[in-house]
Amino acid sequence: MSAAMSAAEAPILFDPARLDRSDSVLRDTPFRFLIAREQLPASAAGELARDFPKYPSAGFFPYEEKDCGTSVNRLIGELIDPAVASAVGAKLGIERLGQYPTLVTLCRALNKRHGTIHTDSKSKVATALLYLNESWPDTSDGCFRFLNRVDNVDDLVAPEIKPLYGNFVVFKRADNSFHGHLPYEGERRVIQVAWLTSEDEKLRKTQRGKLSRLLKKLFGGLDRKLGAGRDKNAAHKD
């Protein structure tokens, strides 16, 4: 795409029609979720890699437009568009998902503290993860898992999904919507979109995320050290 091409002329990056691929996995039990592969055009991979924020610390951080290049900002704009959100929500049995406030967080890298088993908080209606890694090691470490239990990361509901470019998972939050991954340290690029119950919750989570970003700049080494020995079945509440 030429630099002169306007946003209006640029091709769509996230088209919810791709969710209907024949290899997509949609389940109602033990909670409602969708796994869909190859949801982004291969031609956009280079742009998105170039425009992804270069966070110096590991973890998820609240989206800020100034951190990102043009293509990532455009992709996020598409993901939070109410019409796109509602099309995604229809897969989960959620009417008008696009009416809910959205919180976008991005992650460039993880340390081994991340990925512990959890359900997501009750303030989340649904959560989506869109992965942007061009390759992944031949390992299960860092691969997303939907789970049957809060205490066993190997009790999978469906086959794990590698965090490869264009892979997309979304689920309706429930008291048993357990998910997580095996400990992993290194680059793992992902955009997370959460649809929240209220603007107050969005503000609270954004403020907490900004504080976390500051603390990780100051104490990132300690965070990494504390996570190095975590049990693979560790869990947390949110």
C-alpha atoms as a PDB file:
ATOM      1  CA  MET A   1       0.000   0.000   0.000  1.00  0.00           C
ATOM      2  CA  SER A   2       1.470   3.395  -0.982  1.00  0.00           C
ATOM      3  CA  ALA A   3       1.999   6.097   1.613  1.00  0.00           C
ATOM      4  CA  ALA A   4      -0.412   8.277  -0.304  1.00  0.00           C
ATOM      5  CA  MET A   5      -3.288   5.836   0.012  1.00  0.00           C
ATOM      6  CA  SER A   6      -5.940   7.193   2.371  1.00  0.00           C
ATOM      7  CA  ALA A   7      -7.418   5.224   5.257  1.00  0.00           C
ATOM      8  CA  ALA A   8     -10.707   5.081   3.368  1.00  0.00           C
ATOM      9  CA  GLU A   9      -8.946   3.381   0.405  1.00  0.00           C
ATOM     10  CA  ALA A  10      -6.908   0.967   2.513  1.00  0.00           C
ATOM     11  CA  PRO A  11      -8.036  -2.670   2.450  1.00  0.00           C
ATOM     12  CA  ILE A  12      -9.902  -4.040   5.452  1.00  0.00           C
ATOM     13  CA  LEU A  13      -7.608  -5.802   7.901  1.00  0.00           C
ATOM     14  CA  PHE A  14     -10.108  -7.536  10.190  1.00  0.00           C
ATOM     15  CA  ASP A  15     -13.150  -8.778   8.295  1.00  0.00           C
ATOM     16  CA  PRO A  16     -15.624 -10.676  10.541  1.00  0.00           C
ATOM     17  CA  ALA A  17     -16.735 -12.676   7.498  1.00  0.00           C
ATOM     18  CA  ARG A  18     -13.479 -14.630   7.910  1.00  0.00           C
ATOM     19  CA  LEU A  19     -14.758 -15.968  11.237  1.00  0.00           C
ATOM     20  CA  ASP A  20     -16.840 -18.446   9.220  1.00  0.00           C
ATOM     21  CA  ARG A  21     -13.817 -20.344   7.931  1.00  0.00           C
ATOM     22  CA  SER A  22     -14.425 -24.085   7.821  1.00  0.00           C
ATOM     23  CA  ASP A  23     -11.674 -24.723  10.376  1.00  0.00           C
ATOM     24  CA  SER A  24     -13.060 -22.293  12.982  1.00  0.00           C
ATOM     25  CA  VAL A  25     -14.022 -23.860  16.314  1.00  0.00           C
ATOM     26  CA  LEU A  26     -17.182 -22.609  18.045  1.00  0.00           C
ATOM     27  CA  ARG A  27     -18.248 -24.234  21.321  1.00  0.00           C
ATOM     28  CA  ASP A  28     -21.015 -23.685  23.871  1.00  0.00           C
ATOM     29  CA  THR A  29     -19.561 -25.816  26.643  1.00  0.00           C
ATOM     30  CA  PRO A  30     -18.122 -25.512  29.193  1.00  0.00           C
ATOM     31  CA  PHE A  31     -18.488 -21.849  28.161  1.00  0.00           C
ATOM     32  CA  ARG A  32     -18.997 -20.045  24.857  1.00  0.00           C
ATOM     33  CA  PHE A  33     -15.851 -19.461  22.810  1.00  0.00           C
ATOM     34  CA  LEU A  34     -14.561 -19.187  19.256  1.00  0.00           C
ATOM     35  CA  ILE A  35     -11.157 -20.046  17.813  1.00  0.00           C
ATOM     36  CA  ALA A  36     -10.522 -18.743  14.294  1.00  0.00           C
ATOM     37  CA  ARG A  37      -7.317 -18.887  12.284  1.00  0.00           C
ATOM     38  CA  GLU A  38      -5.888 -16.695   9.511  1.00  0.00           C
ATOM     39  CA  GLN A  39      -8.029 -13.672  10.325  1.00  0.00           C
ATOM     40  CA  LEU A  40      -5.613 -11.127   8.864  1.00  0.00           C
ATOM     41  CA  PRO A  41      -4.324 -10.714   5.301  1.00  0.00           C
ATOM     42  CA  ALA A  42      -0.825 -12.111   4.841  1.00  0.00           C
ATOM     43  CA  SER A  43       0.101  -8.994   2.888  1.00  0.00           C
ATOM     44  CA  ALA A  44      -0.289  -6.811   6.005  1.00  0.00           C
ATOM     45  CA  ALA A  45       2.106  -8.781   8.234  1.00  0.00           C
ATOM     46  CA  GLY A  46       5.133  -6.616   7.523  1.00  0.00           C
ATOM     47  CA  GLU A  47       3.279  -3.357   8.145  1.00  0.00           C
ATOM     48  CA  LEU A  48       1.788  -4.569  11.403  1.00  0.00           C
ATOM     49  CA  ALA A  49       5.148  -5.820  12.660  1.00  0.00           C
ATOM     50  CA  ARG A  50       6.742  -2.464  11.852  1.00  0.00           C
ATOM     51  CA  ASP A  51       3.938  -0.461  13.493  1.00  0.00           C
ATOM     52  CA  PHE A  52       3.559  -2.529  16.670  1.00  0.00           C
ATOM     53  CA  PRO A  53       4.612  -0.614  19.815  1.00  0.00           C
ATOM     54  CA  LYS A  54       8.119  -1.250  21.083  1.00  0.00           C
ATOM     55  CA  TYR A  55       7.394  -1.546  24.794  1.00  0.00           C
ATOM     56  CA  PRO A  56      10.555  -1.943  26.877  1.00  0.00           C
ATOM     57  CA  SER A  57       8.778  -4.041  29.536  1.00  0.00           C
ATOM     58  CA  ALA A  58       6.899  -7.347  29.524  1.00  0.00           C
ATOM     59  CA  GLY A  59       3.129  -7.500  29.965  1.00  0.00           C
ATOM     60  CA  PHE A  60      -0.115  -5.964  28.694  1.00  0.00           C
ATOM     61  CA  PHE A  61      -0.407  -2.170  28.537  1.00  0.00           C
ATOM     62  CA  PRO A  62      -3.370   0.126  27.767  1.00  0.00           C
ATOM     63  CA  TYR A  63      -3.523   1.147  24.109  1.00  0.00           C
ATOM     64  CA  GLU A  64      -2.342   4.633  23.257  1.00  0.00           C
ATOM     65  CA  GLU A  65      -2.454   5.783  19.653  1.00  0.00           C
ATOM     66  CA  LYS A  66       0.907   7.550  19.912  1.00  0.00           C
ATOM     67  CA  ASP A  67       2.669   4.268  20.727  1.00  0.00           C
ATOM     68  CA  CYS A  68       1.578   2.635  17.471  1.00  0.00           C
ATOM     69  CA  GLY A  69       2.067   3.104  13.755  1.00  0.00           C
ATOM     70  CA  THR A  70      -0.651   3.640  11.177  1.00  0.00           C
ATOM     71  CA  SER A  71      -1.566   0.028  10.412  1.00  0.00           C
ATOM     72  CA  VAL A  72      -1.888  -1.021  14.074  1.00  0.00           C
ATOM     73  CA  ASN A  73      -4.057   2.000  14.830  1.00  0.00           C
ATOM     74  CA  ARG A  74      -6.225   1.133  11.835  1.00  0.00           C
ATOM     75  CA  LEU A  75      -6.550  -2.493  12.921  1.00  0.00           C
ATOM     76  CA  ILE A  76      -7.575  -1.486  16.438  1.00  0.00           C
ATOM     77  CA  GLY A  77     -10.106   0.947  15.011  1.00  0.00           C
ATOM     78  CA  GLU A  78     -11.661  -1.922  13.075  1.00  0.00           C
ATOM     79  CA  LEU A  79     -11.699  -4.266  16.069  1.00  0.00           C
ATOM     80  CA  ILE A  80     -13.572  -1.796  18.277  1.00  0.00           C
ATOM     81  CA  ASP A  81     -16.002  -0.673  15.587  1.00  0.00           C
ATOM     82  CA  PRO A  82     -19.489  -1.388  17.028  1.00  0.00           C
ATOM     83  CA  ALA A  83     -20.605  -3.218  13.886  1.00  0.00           C
ATOM     84  CA  VAL A  84     -17.554  -5.501  13.919  1.00  0.00           C
ATOM     85  CA  ALA A  85     -17.903  -6.050  17.667  1.00  0.00           C
ATOM     86  CA  SER A  86     -21.548  -7.006  17.290  1.00  0.00           C
ATOM     87  CA  ALA A  87     -20.695  -9.458  14.507  1.00  0.00           C
ATOM     88  CA  VAL A  88     -18.131 -11.059  16.816  1.00  0.00           C
ATOM     89  CA  GLY A  89     -20.637 -11.019  19.680  1.00  0.00           C
ATOM     90  CA  ALA A  90     -23.200 -12.831  17.572  1.00  0.00           C
ATOM     91  CA  LYS A  91     -20.863 -15.817  17.529  1.00  0.00           C
ATOM     92  CA  LEU A  92     -20.942 -15.821  21.327  1.00  0.00           C
ATOM     93  CA  GLY A  93     -24.680 -15.339  21.679  1.00  0.00           C
ATOM     94  CA  ILE A  94     -24.194 -11.785  22.968  1.00  0.00           C
ATOM     95  CA  GLU A  95     -26.658  -9.321  21.493  1.00  0.00           C
ATOM     96  CA  ARG A  96     -25.175  -5.963  20.424  1.00  0.00           C
ATOM     97  CA  LEU A  97     -21.708  -6.526  21.876  1.00  0.00           C
ATOM     98  CA  GLY A  98     -20.732  -3.253  20.222  1.00  0.00           C
ATOM     99  CA  GLN A  99     -22.794  -1.285  22.730  1.00  0.00           C
ATOM    100  CA  TYR A 100     -20.291  -1.992  25.520  1.00  0.00           C
ATOM    101  CA  PRO A 101     -17.210   0.130  26.322  1.00  0.00           C
ATOM    102  CA  THR A 102     -13.981  -1.359  25.024  1.00  0.00           C
ATOM    103  CA  LEU A 103     -10.611  -1.629  26.685  1.00  0.00           C
ATOM    104  CA  VAL A 104      -7.704  -2.388  24.351  1.00  0.00           C
ATOM    105  CA  THR A 105      -4.387  -3.590  25.736  1.00  0.00           C
ATOM    106  CA  LEU A 106      -1.288  -4.651  23.827  1.00  0.00           C
ATOM    107  CA  CYS A 107       1.585  -6.946  24.681  1.00  0.00           C
ATOM    108  CA  ARG A 108       4.928  -7.224  22.930  1.00  0.00           C
ATOM    109  CA  ALA A 109       6.685  -9.601  25.319  1.00  0.00           C
ATOM    110  CA  LEU A 110       6.053 -11.778  28.364  1.00  0.00           C
ATOM    111  CA  ASN A 111       8.036 -13.198  31.218  1.00  0.00           C
ATOM    112  CA  LYS A 112       7.249 -16.468  32.966  1.00  0.00           C
ATOM    113  CA  ARG A 113       5.008 -14.797  35.538  1.00  0.00           C
ATOM    114  CA  HIS A 114       2.338 -14.252  32.893  1.00  0.00           C
ATOM    115  CA  GLY A 115      -0.278 -16.690  31.614  1.00  0.00           C
ATOM    116  CA  THR A 116      -1.537 -18.061  34.926  1.00  0.00           C
ATOM    117  CA  ILE A 117      -5.012 -19.617  34.849  1.00  0.00           C
ATOM    118  CA  HIS A 118      -7.974 -17.256  35.332  1.00  0.00           C
ATOM    119  CA  THR A 119     -11.521 -16.539  34.161  1.00  0.00           C
ATOM    120  CA  ASP A 120     -11.341 -12.743  33.631  1.00  0.00           C
ATOM    121  CA  SER A 121     -13.150 -10.425  36.009  1.00  0.00           C
ATOM    122  CA  LYS A 122     -16.936 -10.015  36.177  1.00  0.00           C
ATOM    123  CA  SER A 123     -16.504  -6.514  34.732  1.00  0.00           C
ATOM    124  CA  LYS A 124     -15.741  -8.112  31.349  1.00  0.00           C
ATOM    125  CA  VAL A 125     -18.566  -9.180  29.054  1.00  0.00           C
ATOM    126  CA  ALA A 126     -16.252 -10.803  26.512  1.00  0.00           C
ATOM    127  CA  THR A 127     -12.562 -10.855  25.637  1.00  0.00           C
ATOM    128  CA  ALA A 128     -10.771 -11.282  22.298  1.00  0.00           C
ATOM    129  CA  LEU A 129      -7.098 -11.914  21.550  1.00  0.00           C
ATOM    130  CA  LEU A 130      -5.564 -11.355  18.111  1.00  0.00           C
ATOM    131  CA  TYR A 131      -2.017 -12.644  17.655  1.00  0.00           C
ATOM    132  CA  LEU A 132       0.665 -11.081  15.448  1.00  0.00           C
ATOM    133  CA  ASN A 133       3.737 -13.344  15.637  1.00  0.00           C
ATOM    134  CA  GLU A 134       5.105 -14.435  12.250  1.00  0.00           C
ATOM    135  CA  SER A 135       6.582 -17.627  13.717  1.00  0.00           C
ATOM    136  CA  TRP A 136       6.570 -19.619  16.936  1.00  0.00           C
ATOM    137  CA  PRO A 137       8.963 -22.195  18.424  1.00  0.00           C
ATOM    138  CA  ASP A 138       8.085 -25.874  18.239  1.00  0.00           C
ATOM    139  CA  THR A 139       6.778 -25.841  21.804  1.00  0.00           C
ATOM    140  CA  SER A 140       3.528 -25.550  23.762  1.00  0.00           C
ATOM    141  CA  ASP A 141       5.048 -22.807  25.925  1.00  0.00           C
ATOM    142  CA  GLY A 142       3.052 -19.600  25.495  1.00  0.00           C
ATOM    143  CA  CYS A 143       0.289 -21.238  23.444  1.00  0.00           C
ATOM    144  CA  PHE A 144      -3.227 -20.159  24.452  1.00  0.00           C
ATOM    145  CA  ARG A 145      -5.431 -22.777  26.151  1.00  0.00           C
ATOM    146  CA  PHE A 146      -9.107 -22.870  27.072  1.00  0.00           C
ATOM    147  CA  LEU A 147      -9.379 -25.045  30.172  1.00  0.00           C
ATOM    148  CA  ASN A 148     -11.845 -27.128  32.161  1.00  0.00           C
ATOM    149  CA  ARG A 149     -10.347 -26.339  35.560  1.00  0.00           C
ATOM    150  CA  VAL A 150      -8.637 -23.564  37.482  1.00  0.00           C
ATOM    151  CA  ASP A 151      -5.904 -25.874  38.779  1.00  0.00           C
ATOM    152  CA  ASN A 152      -4.762 -27.852  35.732  1.00  0.00           C
ATOM    153  CA  VAL A 153      -3.296 -26.173  32.658  1.00  0.00           C
ATOM    154  CA  ASP A 154      -3.194 -29.546  30.877  1.00  0.00           C
ATOM    155  CA  ASP A 155      -6.971 -30.155  31.124  1.00  0.00           C
ATOM    156  CA  LEU A 156      -7.790 -28.583  27.758  1.00  0.00           C
ATOM    157  CA  VAL A 157     -11.287 -27.843  26.436  1.00  0.00           C
ATOM    158  CA  ALA A 158      -9.984 -27.613  22.840  1.00  0.00           C
ATOM    159  CA  PRO A 159      -6.602 -27.927  21.130  1.00  0.00           C
ATOM    160  CA  GLU A 160      -4.226 -25.138  22.158  1.00  0.00           C
ATOM    161  CA  ILE A 161      -3.677 -22.332  19.678  1.00  0.00           C
ATOM    162  CA  LYS A 162      -0.257 -21.010  18.795  1.00  0.00           C
ATOM    163  CA  PRO A 163       0.001 -17.203  18.998  1.00  0.00           C
ATOM    164  CA  LEU A 164       0.697 -16.978  15.273  1.00  0.00           C
ATOM    165  CA  TYR A 165      -0.142 -14.079  12.993  1.00  0.00           C
ATOM    166  CA  GLY A 166      -3.893 -13.830  12.388  1.00  0.00           C
ATOM    167  CA  ASN A 167      -4.968 -16.400  14.974  1.00  0.00           C
ATOM    168  CA  PHE A 168      -7.947 -15.092  16.933  1.00  0.00           C
ATOM    169  CA  VAL A 169      -9.701 -16.310  20.082  1.00  0.00           C
ATOM    170  CA  VAL A 170     -12.743 -14.759  21.729  1.00  0.00           C
ATOM    171  CA  PHE A 171     -14.923 -15.918  24.596  1.00  0.00           C
ATOM    172  CA  LYS A 172     -17.892 -14.904  26.674  1.00  0.00           C
ATOM    173  CA  ARG A 173     -16.793 -14.339  30.238  1.00  0.00           C
ATOM    174  CA  ALA A 174     -18.267 -16.818  32.743  1.00  0.00           C
ATOM    175  CA  ASP A 175     -17.480 -18.074  36.211  1.00  0.00           C
ATOM    176  CA  ASN A 176     -15.814 -21.099  34.576  1.00  0.00           C
ATOM    177  CA  SER A 177     -14.197 -19.440  31.529  1.00  0.00           C
ATOM    178  CA  PHE A 178     -10.765 -20.717  32.558  1.00  0.00           C
ATOM    179  CA  HIS A 179      -7.846 -19.970  30.251  1.00  0.00           C
ATOM    180  CA  GLY A 180      -4.093 -19.491  30.368  1.00  0.00           C
ATOM    181  CA  HIS A 181      -0.855 -20.840  28.946  1.00  0.00           C
ATOM    182  CA  LEU A 182       2.361 -22.550  29.967  1.00  0.00           C
ATOM    183  CA  PRO A 183       5.150 -20.254  31.184  1.00  0.00           C
ATOM    184  CA  TYR A 184       6.955 -18.452  28.383  1.00  0.00           C
ATOM    185  CA  GLU A 185       9.543 -15.705  28.218  1.00  0.00           C
ATOM    186  CA  GLY A 186      10.177 -13.634  25.108  1.00  0.00           C
ATOM    187  CA  GLU A 187       8.399 -11.751  22.365  1.00  0.00           C
ATOM    188  CA  ARG A 188       4.691 -12.611  22.045  1.00  0.00           C
ATOM    189  CA  ARG A 189       2.777  -9.875  20.221  1.00  0.00           C
ATOM    190  CA  VAL A 190      -0.958  -9.713  20.809  1.00  0.00           C
ATOM    191  CA  ILE A 191      -3.813  -7.227  20.781  1.00  0.00           C
ATOM    192  CA  GLN A 192      -6.449  -7.823  23.457  1.00  0.00           C
ATOM    193  CA  VAL A 193      -9.924  -6.290  23.292  1.00  0.00           C
ATOM    194  CA  ALA A 194     -12.228  -6.526  26.310  1.00  0.00           C
ATOM    195  CA  TRP A 195     -15.841  -5.370  26.236  1.00  0.00           C
ATOM    196  CA  LEU A 196     -16.691  -4.046  29.689  1.00  0.00           C
ATOM    197  CA  THR A 197     -19.828  -3.589  31.752  1.00  0.00           C
ATOM    198  CA  SER A 198     -19.349   0.160  32.268  1.00  0.00           C
ATOM    199  CA  GLU A 199     -17.229   3.235  31.511  1.00  0.00           C
ATOM    200  CA  ASP A 200     -16.282   3.336  35.209  1.00  0.00           C
ATOM    201  CA  GLU A 201     -14.693  -0.093  34.871  1.00  0.00           C
ATOM    202  CA  LYS A 202     -12.843   1.042  31.754  1.00  0.00           C
ATOM    203  CA  LEU A 203     -11.430   4.039  33.609  1.00  0.00           C
ATOM    204  CA  ARG A 204     -10.421   1.911  36.603  1.00  0.00           C
ATOM    205  CA  LYS A 205      -8.681  -0.709  34.483  1.00  0.00           C
ATOM    206  CA  THR A 206      -6.950   1.914  32.331  1.00  0.00           C
ATOM    207  CA  GLN A 207      -5.575   3.701  35.383  1.00  0.00           C
ATOM    208  CA  ARG A 208      -4.401   0.421  36.861  1.00  0.00           C
ATOM    209  CA  GLY A 209      -2.743  -0.506  33.575  1.00  0.00           C
ATOM    210  CA  LYS A 210      -0.881   2.805  33.372  1.00  0.00           C
ATOM    211  CA  LEU A 211       0.374   2.361  36.932  1.00  0.00           C
ATOM    212  CA  SER A 212       1.486  -1.166  36.088  1.00  0.00           C
ATOM    213  CA  ARG A 213       3.389   0.154  33.074  1.00  0.00           C
ATOM    214  CA  LEU A 214       5.242   2.645  35.263  1.00  0.00           C
ATOM    215  CA  LEU A 215       6.095   0.056  37.907  1.00  0.00           C
ATOM    216  CA  LYS A 216       7.383  -2.365  35.293  1.00  0.00           C
ATOM    217  CA  LYS A 217       9.698   0.305  33.927  1.00  0.00           C
ATOM    218  CA  LEU A 218      11.112   0.690  37.433  1.00  0.00           C
ATOM    219  CA  PHE A 219      11.037  -2.901  38.672  1.00  0.00           C
ATOM    220  CA  GLY A 220      10.871  -5.032  35.527  1.00  0.00           C
ATOM    221  CA  GLY A 221      13.901  -7.057  36.575  1.00  0.00           C
ATOM    222  CA  LEU A 222      12.279  -8.000  39.870  1.00  0.00           C
ATOM    223  CA  ASP A 223       9.035  -8.912  38.075  1.00  0.00           C
ATOM    224  CA  ARG A 224      10.975 -11.239  35.801  1.00  0.00           C
ATOM    225  CA  LYS A 225      12.849 -12.788  38.714  1.00  0.00           C
ATOM    226  CA  LEU A 226       9.667 -13.428  40.712  1.00  0.00           C
ATOM    227  CA  GLY A 227       8.018 -15.123  37.761  1.00  0.00           C
ATOM    228  CA  ALA A 228      10.916 -17.362  36.823  1.00  0.00           C
ATOM    229  CA  GLY A 229       9.936 -20.186  39.144  1.00  0.00           C
ATOM    230  CA  ARG A 230       6.144 -20.058  38.959  1.00  0.00           C
ATOM    231  CA  ASP A 231       4.239 -23.317  38.923  1.00  0.00           C
ATOM    232  CA  LYS A 232       2.701 -24.110  35.537  1.00  0.00           C
ATOM    233  CA  ASN A 233      -0.720 -24.588  37.209  1.00  0.00           C
ATOM    234  CA  ALA A 234      -0.657 -21.272  39.058  1.00  0.00           C
ATOM    235  CA  ALA A 235      -3.874 -19.241  38.929  1.00  0.00           C
ATOM    236  CA  HIS A 236      -5.076 -15.730  39.665  1.00  0.00           C
ATOM    237  CA  LYS A 237      -8.483 -14.103  40.122  1.00  0.00           C
ATOM    238  CA  ASP A 238      -8.477 -11.508  37.301  1.00  0.00           C
END
